[in-house]
């Protein structure tokens, strides 16, 4: 079995509540292990059936873009929802659909339809789509097509 382990610097309860608010029924928390002071130290949870273990304690390395969680969306409405929700309250936009949430964790929010544009059999259309992608922060499907 393989699970993703994420080390947050503090306040795992806030982390879990934030993600639960975004992913709703697509997130299940299976356990929360508390310290004597009531803070959540570790937790196991799933988002879209991907299993995670999280720990909250000071001393871990800062998150960076070398690893990210990828939310594959179906259409612009889903991109807009997940992008806006994950970047709220202090997140940072990146390029080409990447962002950091308010905890510093990197995410990619992309629609599966993006591949249709980037893999277009017309080389000019595919290059246009690639150039458009390079200028985007949040992915906007309409911008992959010439006006």
Protein backbone atom coordinates (compact mmCIF):
# COMPACT_ATOMS: atom_id res chain seq x y z
CA UNK A 1 0.00 0.00 0.00
CA UNK A 2 1.17 3.52 -0.76
CA UNK A 3 -0.08 6.63 1.04
CA UNK A 4 1.00 10.24 0.74
CA UNK A 5 2.40 11.68 3.98
CA UNK A 6 2.13 15.44 4.45
CA UNK A 7 3.87 17.30 7.29
CA UNK A 8 2.16 20.59 8.13
CA UNK A 9 3.88 23.11 10.40
CA UNK A 10 0.86 23.56 12.71
CA UNK A 11 -2.90 23.42 13.23
CA UNK A 12 -3.95 20.22 11.49
CA UNK A 13 -7.54 20.81 12.59
CA UNK A 14 -7.64 23.97 10.48
CA UNK A 15 -6.12 22.07 7.54
CA UNK A 16 -8.72 19.30 7.73
CA UNK A 17 -11.60 21.75 8.09
CA UNK A 18 -10.35 23.79 5.10
CA UNK A 19 -10.08 20.75 2.81
CA UNK A 20 -13.37 19.27 4.06
CA UNK A 21 -15.08 22.55 3.16
CA UNK A 22 -13.70 22.35 -0.38
CA UNK A 23 -13.95 18.64 -1.18
CA UNK A 24 -17.10 17.96 0.88
CA UNK A 25 -18.35 14.39 0.23
CA UNK A 26 -15.16 13.65 -1.74
CA UNK A 27 -13.15 13.80 1.50
CA UNK A 28 -13.38 11.28 4.32
CA UNK A 29 -11.42 11.61 7.57
CA UNK A 30 -10.85 8.20 9.14
CA UNK A 31 -9.03 9.24 12.31
CA UNK A 32 -7.69 12.20 14.26
CA UNK A 33 -5.07 11.70 16.95
CA UNK A 34 -4.96 14.50 19.48
CA UNK A 35 -2.25 15.69 21.80
CA UNK A 36 -2.95 16.32 25.50
CA UNK A 37 -3.66 19.98 24.70
CA UNK A 38 -6.42 18.99 22.24
CA UNK A 39 -4.52 19.85 19.06
CA UNK A 40 -4.67 17.28 16.28
CA UNK A 41 -1.24 15.72 15.84
CA UNK A 42 -1.93 13.19 13.07
CA UNK A 43 -4.84 12.26 10.86
CA UNK A 44 -5.63 9.81 8.09
CA UNK A 45 -7.97 10.94 5.34
CA UNK A 46 -8.92 10.45 1.71
CA UNK A 47 -9.61 12.97 -1.03
CA UNK A 48 -11.12 11.42 -4.16
CA UNK A 49 -10.07 8.03 -2.74
CA UNK A 50 -6.39 9.08 -2.57
CA UNK A 51 -5.11 8.19 0.90
CA UNK A 52 -3.15 10.67 3.01
CA UNK A 53 -1.58 10.75 6.43
CA UNK A 54 -0.95 14.21 7.84
CA UNK A 55 1.03 15.37 10.82
CA UNK A 56 1.24 18.81 12.37
CA UNK A 57 4.35 19.85 14.24
CA UNK A 58 6.96 22.52 13.82
CA UNK A 59 10.29 21.72 12.22
CA UNK A 60 9.39 20.30 8.83
CA UNK A 61 10.71 21.56 5.54
CA UNK A 62 8.67 24.16 3.68
CA UNK A 63 6.46 22.94 0.85
CA UNK A 64 7.57 23.74 -2.70
CA UNK A 65 6.47 23.06 -6.27
CA UNK A 66 8.58 19.90 -6.61
CA UNK A 67 5.56 17.91 -5.46
CA UNK A 68 1.91 18.81 -5.84
CA UNK A 69 -1.57 17.37 -5.60
CA UNK A 70 -3.37 17.33 -8.94
CA UNK A 71 -7.11 17.91 -9.18
CA UNK A 72 -8.29 16.78 -12.61
CA UNK A 73 -11.48 18.67 -13.45
CA UNK A 74 -14.30 18.20 -15.91
CA UNK A 75 -14.82 21.60 -17.50
CA UNK A 76 -14.33 25.23 -16.62
CA UNK A 77 -16.88 25.32 -13.81
CA UNK A 78 -14.94 22.69 -11.84
CA UNK A 79 -11.64 24.46 -12.54
CA UNK A 80 -13.13 27.73 -11.28
CA UNK A 81 -14.55 26.08 -8.15
CA UNK A 82 -11.41 24.22 -7.06
CA UNK A 83 -8.99 27.00 -8.05
CA UNK A 84 -10.97 29.68 -6.22
CA UNK A 85 -11.52 27.49 -3.15
CA UNK A 86 -7.92 26.34 -2.83
CA UNK A 87 -6.43 29.80 -3.29
CA UNK A 88 -8.77 31.55 -0.84
CA UNK A 89 -7.54 33.11 2.41
CA UNK A 90 -3.92 33.63 1.41
CA UNK A 91 -3.12 31.08 -1.28
CA UNK A 92 -0.85 32.06 -4.17
CA UNK A 93 -1.43 31.59 -7.89
CA UNK A 94 1.28 29.93 -9.90
CA UNK A 95 1.58 29.39 -13.63
CA UNK A 96 -0.11 26.85 -15.90
CA UNK A 97 -2.76 25.79 -13.39
CA UNK A 98 -0.47 25.53 -10.36
CA UNK A 99 -1.18 27.23 -7.05
CA UNK A 100 -0.24 27.08 -3.40
CA UNK A 101 -3.00 26.91 -0.82
CA UNK A 102 -2.89 29.00 2.34
CA UNK A 103 -0.80 26.30 4.04
CA UNK A 104 1.83 26.41 1.26
CA UNK A 105 0.92 23.03 -0.28
CA UNK A 106 1.17 22.99 -4.09
CA UNK A 107 -1.78 21.96 -6.23
CA UNK A 108 -2.44 21.65 -9.94
CA UNK A 109 -6.00 22.36 -11.04
CA UNK A 110 -6.50 21.36 -14.67
CA UNK A 111 -9.38 20.23 -16.87
CA UNK A 112 -8.99 17.00 -18.79
CA UNK A 113 -10.19 18.92 -21.87
CA UNK A 114 -6.87 20.81 -21.86
CA UNK A 115 -5.22 17.72 -23.37
CA UNK A 116 -7.53 17.92 -26.39
CA UNK A 117 -6.19 21.39 -27.16
CA UNK A 118 -2.53 20.65 -26.45
CA UNK A 119 -2.73 17.42 -28.47
CA UNK A 120 -4.65 18.94 -31.36
CA UNK A 121 -3.64 17.21 -34.64
CA UNK A 122 -3.36 20.67 -36.23
CA UNK A 123 0.19 21.75 -35.24
CA UNK A 124 -0.67 25.45 -35.36
CA UNK A 125 -3.69 24.98 -33.09
CA UNK A 126 -1.63 22.87 -30.68
CA UNK A 127 1.14 25.49 -30.60
CA UNK A 128 -1.42 28.24 -30.05
CA UNK A 129 -2.81 26.26 -27.10
CA UNK A 130 0.69 25.71 -25.65
CA UNK A 131 1.48 29.42 -25.91
CA UNK A 132 -1.84 30.25 -24.28
CA UNK A 133 -1.14 27.79 -21.45
CA UNK A 134 2.23 29.40 -20.75
CA UNK A 135 0.55 32.76 -20.20
CA UNK A 136 -2.13 31.46 -17.82
CA UNK A 137 -2.30 31.18 -14.09
CA UNK A 138 -5.75 29.60 -13.69
CA UNK A 139 -6.58 27.47 -16.73
CA UNK A 140 -9.26 29.07 -18.93
CA UNK A 141 -10.43 26.62 -21.59
CA UNK A 142 -11.84 29.33 -23.87
CA UNK A 143 -8.36 30.87 -24.16
CA UNK A 144 -7.03 27.74 -25.88
CA UNK A 145 -9.06 28.52 -28.99
CA UNK A 146 -8.30 31.38 -31.36
CA UNK A 147 -11.03 34.00 -31.51
